[in-house]
Amino acid sequence: MALQQRENRMSNNLGILDRTLRIASGMLLVALAAPGTIESWGYLGVLGMLTGVVGVCPVYSMLGFDTRWDGS
Protein backbone atom coordinates (compact mmCIF):
# COMPACT_ATOMS: atom_id res chain seq x y z
CA MET A 1 0.00 0.00 0.00
CA ALA A 2 2.76 2.47 0.93
CA LEU A 3 4.64 1.63 -2.28
CA GLN A 4 1.54 2.35 -4.36
CA GLN A 5 1.04 5.73 -2.66
CA ARG A 6 4.69 6.59 -3.20
CA GLU A 7 4.46 5.57 -6.84
CA ASN A 8 1.39 7.79 -7.34
CA ARG A 9 3.19 10.76 -5.84
CA MET A 10 6.17 10.38 -8.15
CA SER A 11 4.33 9.77 -11.43
CA ASN A 12 5.27 11.93 -14.39
CA ASN A 13 3.35 15.19 -14.46
CA LEU A 14 5.24 17.12 -17.16
CA GLY A 15 4.31 17.16 -20.82
CA ILE A 16 6.89 17.13 -23.60
CA LEU A 17 6.69 20.90 -24.21
CA ASP A 18 7.04 21.65 -20.50
CA ARG A 19 10.01 19.28 -20.23
CA THR A 20 11.70 20.74 -23.31
CA LEU A 21 11.30 24.32 -22.08
CA ARG A 22 12.63 23.43 -18.63
CA ILE A 23 15.71 21.71 -20.05
CA ALA A 24 16.43 24.47 -22.57
CA SER A 25 15.97 27.34 -20.12
CA GLY A 26 17.98 25.49 -17.47
CA MET A 27 20.84 24.96 -19.90
CA LEU A 28 20.74 28.63 -20.88
CA LEU A 29 20.86 29.80 -17.26
CA VAL A 30 23.77 27.51 -16.40
CA ALA A 31 25.61 28.51 -19.59
CA LEU A 32 25.24 32.18 -18.64
CA ALA A 33 26.22 31.61 -15.00
CA ALA A 34 29.36 29.59 -15.73
CA PRO A 35 31.41 32.43 -17.28
CA GLY A 36 29.90 35.01 -14.91
CA THR A 37 27.60 36.71 -17.41
CA ILE A 38 24.85 36.46 -14.79
CA GLU A 39 25.26 35.94 -11.07
CA SER A 40 25.41 32.56 -9.35
CA TRP A 41 21.60 32.33 -9.10
CA GLY A 42 21.79 31.12 -12.69
CA TYR A 43 22.90 27.75 -11.38
CA LEU A 44 19.29 27.25 -10.29
CA GLY A 45 18.85 26.23 -13.90
CA VAL A 46 20.12 22.82 -12.80
CA LEU A 47 16.78 22.32 -11.02
CA GLY A 48 14.89 23.05 -14.22
CA MET A 49 17.07 20.62 -16.15
CA LEU A 50 16.62 17.95 -13.48
CA THR A 51 12.83 18.22 -13.39
CA GLY A 52 12.75 18.24 -17.18
CA VAL A 53 14.86 15.11 -17.51
CA VAL A 54 13.02 13.21 -14.77
CA GLY A 55 9.58 14.44 -15.89
CA VAL A 56 8.35 15.15 -12.38
CA CYS A 57 7.83 18.55 -10.79
CA PRO A 58 7.30 18.35 -7.02
CA VAL A 59 5.48 21.69 -6.97
CA TYR A 60 3.08 20.48 -9.67
CA SER A 61 2.51 17.32 -7.62
CA MET A 62 1.62 19.34 -4.51
CA LEU A 63 -0.76 21.57 -6.47
CA GLY A 64 -2.28 18.76 -8.52
CA PHE A 65 -1.10 20.11 -11.89
CA ASP A 66 -0.37 17.87 -14.86
CA THR A 67 0.79 19.20 -18.23
CA ARG A 68 0.81 15.86 -20.03
CA TRP A 69 -1.48 15.58 -23.03
CA ASP A 70 -3.52 12.40 -23.02
CA GLY A 71 -4.91 12.74 -26.54
CA SER A 72 -8.54 13.17 -25.57
PDB file of N, CA and C in Angstrom:
ATOM      1  N   MET A   1       0.829  -1.197   0.000  1.00  0.00           N
ATOM      2  CA  MET A   1       0.000   0.000   0.000  1.00  0.00           C
ATOM      3  C   MET A   1       0.869   1.255   0.000  1.00  0.00           C
ATOM      4  N   ALA A   2       1.884   1.302   0.860  1.00  0.00           N
ATOM      5  CA  ALA A   2       2.757   2.470   0.928  1.00  0.00           C
ATOM      6  C   ALA A   2       3.522   2.649  -0.376  1.00  0.00           C
ATOM      7  N   LEU A   3       3.923   1.554  -1.005  1.00  0.00           N
ATOM      8  CA  LEU A   3       4.637   1.635  -2.278  1.00  0.00           C
ATOM      9  C   LEU A   3       3.736   2.224  -3.358  1.00  0.00           C
ATOM     10  N   GLN A   4       2.474   1.836  -3.363  1.00  0.00           N
ATOM     11  CA  GLN A   4       1.543   2.352  -4.362  1.00  0.00           C
ATOM     12  C   GLN A   4       1.330   3.858  -4.162  1.00  0.00           C
ATOM     13  N   GLN A   5       1.206   4.309  -2.929  1.00  0.00           N
ATOM     14  CA  GLN A   5       1.036   5.729  -2.659  1.00  0.00           C
ATOM     15  C   GLN A   5       2.276   6.494  -3.094  1.00  0.00           C
ATOM     16  N   ARG A   6       3.445   5.944  -2.823  1.00  0.00           N
ATOM     17  CA  ARG A   6       4.689   6.585  -3.202  1.00  0.00           C
ATOM     18  C   ARG A   6       4.814   6.659  -4.726  1.00  0.00           C
ATOM     19  N   GLU A   7       4.409   5.601  -5.385  1.00  0.00           N
ATOM     20  CA  GLU A   7       4.456   5.568  -6.844  1.00  0.00           C
ATOM     21  C   GLU A   7       3.518   6.615  -7.430  1.00  0.00           C
ATOM     22  N   ASN A   8       2.350   6.781  -6.857  1.00  0.00           N
ATOM     23  CA  ASN A   8       1.393   7.787  -7.344  1.00  0.00           C
ATOM     24  C   ASN A   8       1.941   9.195  -7.178  1.00  0.00           C
ATOM     25  N   ARG A   9       2.631   9.448  -6.098  1.00  0.00           N
ATOM     26  CA  ARG A   9       3.193  10.763  -5.845  1.00  0.00           C
ATOM     27  C   ARG A   9       4.287  11.113  -6.845  1.00  0.00           C
ATOM     28  N   MET A  10       5.031  10.126  -7.298  1.00  0.00           N
ATOM     29  CA  MET A  10       6.172  10.375  -8.153  1.00  0.00           C
ATOM     30  C   MET A  10       5.890  10.083  -9.626  1.00  0.00           C
ATOM     31  N   SER A  11       4.630  10.031 -10.026  1.00  0.00           N
ATOM     32  CA  SER A  11       4.332   9.772 -11.427  1.00  0.00           C
ATOM     33  C   SER A  11       4.626  11.025 -12.251  1.00  0.00           C
ATOM     34  N   ASN A  12       4.951  10.812 -13.499  1.00  0.00           N
ATOM     35  CA  ASN A  12       5.267  11.933 -14.386  1.00  0.00           C
ATOM     36  C   ASN A  12       4.093  12.897 -14.455  1.00  0.00           C
ATOM     37  N   ASN A  13       4.402  14.182 -14.371  1.00  0.00           N
ATOM     38  CA  ASN A  13       3.354  15.188 -14.465  1.00  0.00           C
ATOM     39  C   ASN A  13       3.744  16.331 -15.403  1.00  0.00           C
ATOM     40  N   LEU A  14       4.787  16.104 -16.217  1.00  0.00           N
ATOM     41  CA  LEU A  14       5.236  17.123 -17.159  1.00  0.00           C
ATOM     42  C   LEU A  14       5.058  16.632 -18.585  1.00  0.00           C
ATOM     43  N   GLY A  15       4.448  17.468 -19.405  1.00  0.00           N
ATOM     44  CA  GLY A  15       4.306  17.156 -20.820  1.00  0.00           C
ATOM     45  C   GLY A  15       5.604  17.427 -21.561  1.00  0.00           C
ATOM     46  N   ILE A  16       5.664  17.014 -22.809  1.00  0.00           N
ATOM     47  CA  ILE A  16       6.887  17.130 -23.602  1.00  0.00           C
ATOM     48  C   ILE A  16       7.297  18.592 -23.807  1.00  0.00           C
ATOM     49  N   LEU A  17       6.353  19.485 -24.038  1.00  0.00           N
ATOM     50  CA  LEU A  17       6.687  20.899 -24.210  1.00  0.00           C
ATOM     51  C   LEU A  17       7.234  21.483 -22.909  1.00  0.00           C
ATOM     52  N   ASP A  18       6.590  21.182 -21.809  1.00  0.00           N
ATOM     53  CA  ASP A  18       7.036  21.649 -20.496  1.00  0.00           C
ATOM     54  C   ASP A  18       8.453  21.145 -20.212  1.00  0.00           C
ATOM     55  N   ARG A  19       8.689  19.871 -20.470  1.00  0.00           N
ATOM     56  CA  ARG A  19      10.009  19.280 -20.231  1.00  0.00           C
ATOM     57  C   ARG A  19      11.068  19.937 -21.109  1.00  0.00           C
ATOM     58  N   THR A  20      10.742  20.145 -22.381  1.00  0.00           N
ATOM     59  CA  THR A  20      11.697  20.745 -23.312  1.00  0.00           C
ATOM     60  C   THR A  20      12.054  22.165 -22.897  1.00  0.00           C
ATOM     61  N   LEU A  21      11.051  22.945 -22.509  1.00  0.00           N
ATOM     62  CA  LEU A  21      11.303  24.322 -22.076  1.00  0.00           C
ATOM     63  C   LEU A  21      12.127  24.378 -20.792  1.00  0.00           C
ATOM     64  N   ARG A  22      11.867  23.464 -19.875  1.00  0.00           N
ATOM     65  CA  ARG A  22      12.634  23.431 -18.626  1.00  0.00           C
ATOM     66  C   ARG A  22      14.104  23.087 -18.886  1.00  0.00           C
ATOM     67  N   ILE A  23      14.330  22.101 -19.742  1.00  0.00           N
ATOM     68  CA  ILE A  23      15.706  21.707 -20.048  1.00  0.00           C
ATOM     69  C   ILE A  23      16.439  22.827 -20.781  1.00  0.00           C
ATOM     70  N   ALA A  24      15.793  23.405 -21.784  1.00  0.00           N
ATOM     71  CA  ALA A  24      16.430  24.469 -22.573  1.00  0.00           C
ATOM     72  C   ALA A  24      16.718  25.708 -21.726  1.00  0.00           C
ATOM     73  N   SER A  25      15.749  26.140 -20.933  1.00  0.00           N
ATOM     74  CA  SER A  25      15.971  27.337 -20.115  1.00  0.00           C
ATOM     75  C   SER A  25      16.989  27.066 -19.011  1.00  0.00           C
ATOM     76  N   GLY A  26      16.985  25.857 -18.478  1.00  0.00           N
ATOM     77  CA  GLY A  26      17.983  25.495 -17.473  1.00  0.00           C
ATOM     78  C   GLY A  26      19.385  25.504 -18.045  1.00  0.00           C
ATOM     79  N   MET A  27      19.523  24.962 -19.248  1.00  0.00           N
ATOM     80  CA  MET A  27      20.836  24.961 -19.904  1.00  0.00           C
ATOM     81  C   MET A  27      21.308  26.385 -20.182  1.00  0.00           C
ATOM     82  N   LEU A  28      20.394  27.232 -20.609  1.00  0.00           N
ATOM     83  CA  LEU A  28      20.736  28.630 -20.880  1.00  0.00           C
ATOM     84  C   LEU A  28      21.201  29.335 -19.605  1.00  0.00           C
ATOM     85  N   LEU A  29      20.474  29.153 -18.520  1.00  0.00           N
ATOM     86  CA  LEU A  29      20.860  29.796 -17.258  1.00  0.00           C
ATOM     87  C   LEU A  29      22.237  29.333 -16.779  1.00  0.00           C
ATOM     88  N   VAL A  30      22.482  28.034 -16.836  1.00  0.00           N
ATOM     89  CA  VAL A  30      23.773  27.509 -16.396  1.00  0.00           C
ATOM     90  C   VAL A  30      24.883  28.003 -17.324  1.00  0.00           C
ATOM     91  N   ALA A  31      24.610  28.033 -18.632  1.00  0.00           N
ATOM     92  CA  ALA A  31      25.614  28.509 -19.592  1.00  0.00           C
ATOM     93  C   ALA A  31      25.949  29.987 -19.362  1.00  0.00           C
ATOM     94  N   LEU A  32      24.989  30.771 -18.929  1.00  0.00           N
ATOM     95  CA  LEU A  32      25.243  32.176 -18.638  1.00  0.00           C
ATOM     96  C   LEU A  32      25.912  32.377 -17.278  1.00  0.00           C
ATOM     97  N   ALA A  33      25.638  31.490 -16.337  1.00  0.00           N
ATOM     98  CA  ALA A  33      26.219  31.612 -15.003  1.00  0.00           C
ATOM     99  C   ALA A  33      27.675  31.147 -14.969  1.00  0.00           C
ATOM    100  N   ALA A  34      28.016  30.161 -15.772  1.00  0.00           N
ATOM    101  CA  ALA A  34      29.363  29.590 -15.735  1.00  0.00           C
ATOM    102  C   ALA A  34      30.460  30.627 -16.004  1.00  0.00           C
ATOM    103  N   PRO A  35      30.350  31.444 -17.051  1.00  0.00           N
ATOM    104  CA  PRO A  35      31.412  32.433 -17.281  1.00  0.00           C
ATOM    105  C   PRO A  35      31.224  33.730 -16.488  1.00  0.00           C
ATOM    106  N   GLY A  36      30.140  33.819 -15.724  1.00  0.00           N
ATOM    107  CA  GLY A  36      29.903  35.008 -14.910  1.00  0.00           C
ATOM    108  C   GLY A  36      29.072  36.075 -15.594  1.00  0.00           C
ATOM    109  N   THR A  37      28.452  35.749 -16.712  1.00  0.00           N
ATOM    110  CA  THR A  37      27.596  36.706 -17.407  1.00  0.00           C
ATOM    111  C   THR A  37      26.429  37.126 -16.521  1.00  0.00           C
ATOM    112  N   ILE A  38      25.854  36.160 -15.811  1.00  0.00           N
ATOM    113  CA  ILE A  38      24.850  36.461 -14.791  1.00  0.00           C
ATOM    114  C   ILE A  38      25.393  35.940 -13.465  1.00  0.00           C
ATOM    115  N   GLU A  39      24.768  36.334 -12.384  1.00  0.00           N
ATOM    116  CA  GLU A  39      25.261  35.936 -11.072  1.00  0.00           C
ATOM    117  C   GLU A  39      25.022  34.451 -10.814  1.00  0.00           C
ATOM    118  N   SER A  40      25.459  33.985  -9.670  1.00  0.00           N
ATOM    119  CA  SER A  40      25.414  32.559  -9.352  1.00  0.00           C
ATOM    120  C   SER A  40      23.993  31.997  -9.234  1.00  0.00           C
ATOM    121  N   TRP A  41      22.971  32.854  -9.153  1.00  0.00           N
ATOM    122  CA  TRP A  41      21.599  32.335  -9.101  1.00  0.00           C
ATOM    123  C   TRP A  41      21.266  31.586 -10.384  1.00  0.00           C
ATOM    124  N   GLY A  42      22.019  31.812 -11.430  1.00  0.00           N
ATOM    125  CA  GLY A  42      21.789  31.123 -12.693  1.00  0.00           C
ATOM    126  C   GLY A  42      21.973  29.623 -12.592  1.00  0.00           C
ATOM    127  N   TYR A  43      22.716  29.192 -11.582  1.00  0.00           N
ATOM    128  CA  TYR A  43      22.896  27.753 -11.385  1.00  0.00           C
ATOM    129  C   TYR A  43      21.613  27.067 -10.921  1.00  0.00           C
ATOM    130  N   LEU A  44      20.599  27.839 -10.588  1.00  0.00           N
ATOM    131  CA  LEU A  44      19.294  27.248 -10.290  1.00  0.00           C
ATOM    132  C   LEU A  44      18.709  26.577 -11.530  1.00  0.00           C
ATOM    133  N   GLY A  45      19.264  26.880 -12.677  1.00  0.00           N
ATOM    134  CA  GLY A  45      18.849  26.225 -13.905  1.00  0.00           C
ATOM    135  C   GLY A  45      19.032  24.716 -13.852  1.00  0.00           C
ATOM    136  N   VAL A  46      19.919  24.259 -12.979  1.00  0.00           N
ATOM    137  CA  VAL A  46      20.115  22.815 -12.801  1.00  0.00           C
ATOM    138  C   VAL A  46      18.818  22.169 -12.328  1.00  0.00           C
ATOM    139  N   LEU A  47      18.057  22.864 -11.496  1.00  0.00           N
ATOM    140  CA  LEU A  47      16.781  22.325 -11.022  1.00  0.00           C
ATOM    141  C   LEU A  47      15.798  22.164 -12.169  1.00  0.00           C
ATOM    142  N   GLY A  48      15.759  23.141 -13.053  1.00  0.00           N
ATOM    143  CA  GLY A  48      14.889  23.046 -14.222  1.00  0.00           C
ATOM    144  C   GLY A  48      15.288  21.886 -15.112  1.00  0.00           C
ATOM    145  N   MET A  49      16.594  21.745 -15.325  1.00  0.00           N
ATOM    146  CA  MET A  49      17.068  20.624 -16.150  1.00  0.00           C
ATOM    147  C   MET A  49      16.730  19.290 -15.498  1.00  0.00           C
ATOM    148  N   LEU A  50      16.907  19.199 -14.193  1.00  0.00           N
ATOM    149  CA  LEU A  50      16.624  17.951 -13.477  1.00  0.00           C
ATOM    150  C   LEU A  50      15.150  17.574 -13.566  1.00  0.00           C
ATOM    151  N   THR A  51      14.261  18.530 -13.311  1.00  0.00           N
ATOM    152  CA  THR A  51      12.833  18.217 -13.390  1.00  0.00           C
ATOM    153  C   THR A  51      12.427  17.882 -14.814  1.00  0.00           C
ATOM    154  N   GLY A  52      13.054  18.543 -15.796  1.00  0.00           N
ATOM    155  CA  GLY A  52      12.745  18.244 -17.182  1.00  0.00           C
ATOM    156  C   GLY A  52      13.179  16.850 -17.597  1.00  0.00           C
ATOM    157  N   VAL A  53      14.348  16.443 -17.164  1.00  0.00           N
ATOM    158  CA  VAL A  53      14.859  15.112 -17.510  1.00  0.00           C
ATOM    159  C   VAL A  53      14.046  14.020 -16.821  1.00  0.00           C
ATOM    160  N   VAL A  54      13.755  14.216 -15.545  1.00  0.00           N
ATOM    161  CA  VAL A  54      13.017  13.209 -14.772  1.00  0.00           C
ATOM    162  C   VAL A  54      11.539  13.192 -15.155  1.00  0.00           C
ATOM    163  N   GLY A  55      10.993  14.356 -15.497  1.00  0.00           N
ATOM    164  CA  GLY A  55       9.585  14.444 -15.893  1.00  0.00           C
ATOM    165  C   GLY A  55       8.628  14.628 -14.734  1.00  0.00           C
ATOM    166  N   VAL A  56       9.179  14.964 -13.576  1.00  0.00           N
ATOM    167  CA  VAL A  56       8.349  15.146 -12.379  1.00  0.00           C
ATOM    168  C   VAL A  56       8.685  16.491 -11.750  1.00  0.00           C
ATOM    169  N   CYS A  57       7.658  17.290 -11.501  1.00  0.00           N
ATOM    170  CA  CYS A  57       7.826  18.550 -10.792  1.00  0.00           C
ATOM    171  C   CYS A  57       7.144  18.416  -9.435  1.00  0.00           C
ATOM    172  N   PRO A  58       7.906  18.476  -8.346  1.00  0.00           N
ATOM    173  CA  PRO A  58       7.302  18.349  -7.016  1.00  0.00           C
ATOM    174  C   PRO A  58       6.255  19.417  -6.715  1.00  0.00           C
ATOM    175  N   VAL A  59       6.462  20.619  -7.209  1.00  0.00           N
ATOM    176  CA  VAL A  59       5.483  21.695  -6.975  1.00  0.00           C
ATOM    177  C   VAL A  59       4.178  21.368  -7.696  1.00  0.00           C
ATOM    178  N   TYR A  60       4.273  20.894  -8.945  1.00  0.00           N
ATOM    179  CA  TYR A  60       3.082  20.482  -9.670  1.00  0.00           C
ATOM    180  C   TYR A  60       2.359  19.367  -8.921  1.00  0.00           C
ATOM    181  N   SER A  61       3.115  18.435  -8.359  1.00  0.00           N
ATOM    182  CA  SER A  61       2.509  17.325  -7.615  1.00  0.00           C
ATOM    183  C   SER A  61       1.723  17.837  -6.417  1.00  0.00           C
ATOM    184  N   MET A  62       2.303  18.786  -5.689  1.00  0.00           N
ATOM    185  CA  MET A  62       1.623  19.341  -4.513  1.00  0.00           C
ATOM    186  C   MET A  62       0.353  20.090  -4.892  1.00  0.00           C
ATOM    187  N   LEU A  63       0.382  20.771  -6.041  1.00  0.00           N
ATOM    188  CA  LEU A  63      -0.760  21.574  -6.469  1.00  0.00           C
ATOM    189  C   LEU A  63      -1.753  20.803  -7.338  1.00  0.00           C
ATOM    190  N   GLY A  64      -1.396  19.584  -7.715  1.00  0.00           N
ATOM    191  CA  GLY A  64      -2.284  18.758  -8.522  1.00  0.00           C
ATOM    192  C   GLY A  64      -2.272  19.095 -10.006  1.00  0.00           C
ATOM    193  N   PHE A  65      -1.216  19.769 -10.474  1.00  0.00           N
ATOM    194  CA  PHE A  65      -1.097  20.114 -11.889  1.00  0.00           C
ATOM    195  C   PHE A  65      -0.518  18.950 -12.680  1.00  0.00           C
ATOM    196  N   ASP A  66      -0.887  18.897 -13.948  1.00  0.00           N
ATOM    197  CA  ASP A  66      -0.367  17.874 -14.856  1.00  0.00           C
ATOM    198  C   ASP A  66      -0.405  18.462 -16.253  1.00  0.00           C
ATOM    199  N   THR A  67       0.754  18.605 -16.896  1.00  0.00           N
ATOM    200  CA  THR A  67       0.794  19.201 -18.227  1.00  0.00           C
ATOM    201  C   THR A  67       0.919  18.154 -19.337  1.00  0.00           C
ATOM    202  N   ARG A  68       0.777  16.904 -18.997  1.00  0.00           N
ATOM    203  CA  ARG A  68       0.809  15.860 -20.025  1.00  0.00           C
ATOM    204  C   ARG A  68      -0.458  15.923 -20.849  1.00  0.00           C
ATOM    205  N   TRP A  69      -0.332  15.638 -22.129  1.00  0.00           N
ATOM    206  CA  TRP A  69      -1.476  15.583 -23.033  1.00  0.00           C
ATOM    207  C   TRP A  69      -1.853  14.128 -23.223  1.00  0.00           C
ATOM    208  N   ASP A  70      -3.100  13.799 -22.951  1.00  0.00           N
ATOM    209  CA  ASP A  70      -3.524  12.399 -23.025  1.00  0.00           C
ATOM    210  C   ASP A  70      -4.211  12.055 -24.334  1.00  0.00           C
ATOM    211  N   GLY A  71      -4.335  13.008 -25.246  1.00  0.00           N
ATOM    212  CA  GLY A  71      -4.907  12.739 -26.542  1.00  0.00           C
ATOM    213  C   GLY A  71      -6.421  12.806 -26.623  1.00  0.00           C
ATOM    214  N   SER A  72      -7.067  13.129 -25.530  1.00  0.00           N
ATOM    215  CA  SER A  72      -8.538  13.174 -25.572  1.00  0.00           C
ATOM    216  C   SER A  72      -9.063  14.585 -25.760  1.00  0.00           C
TER     217      SER A  72
END
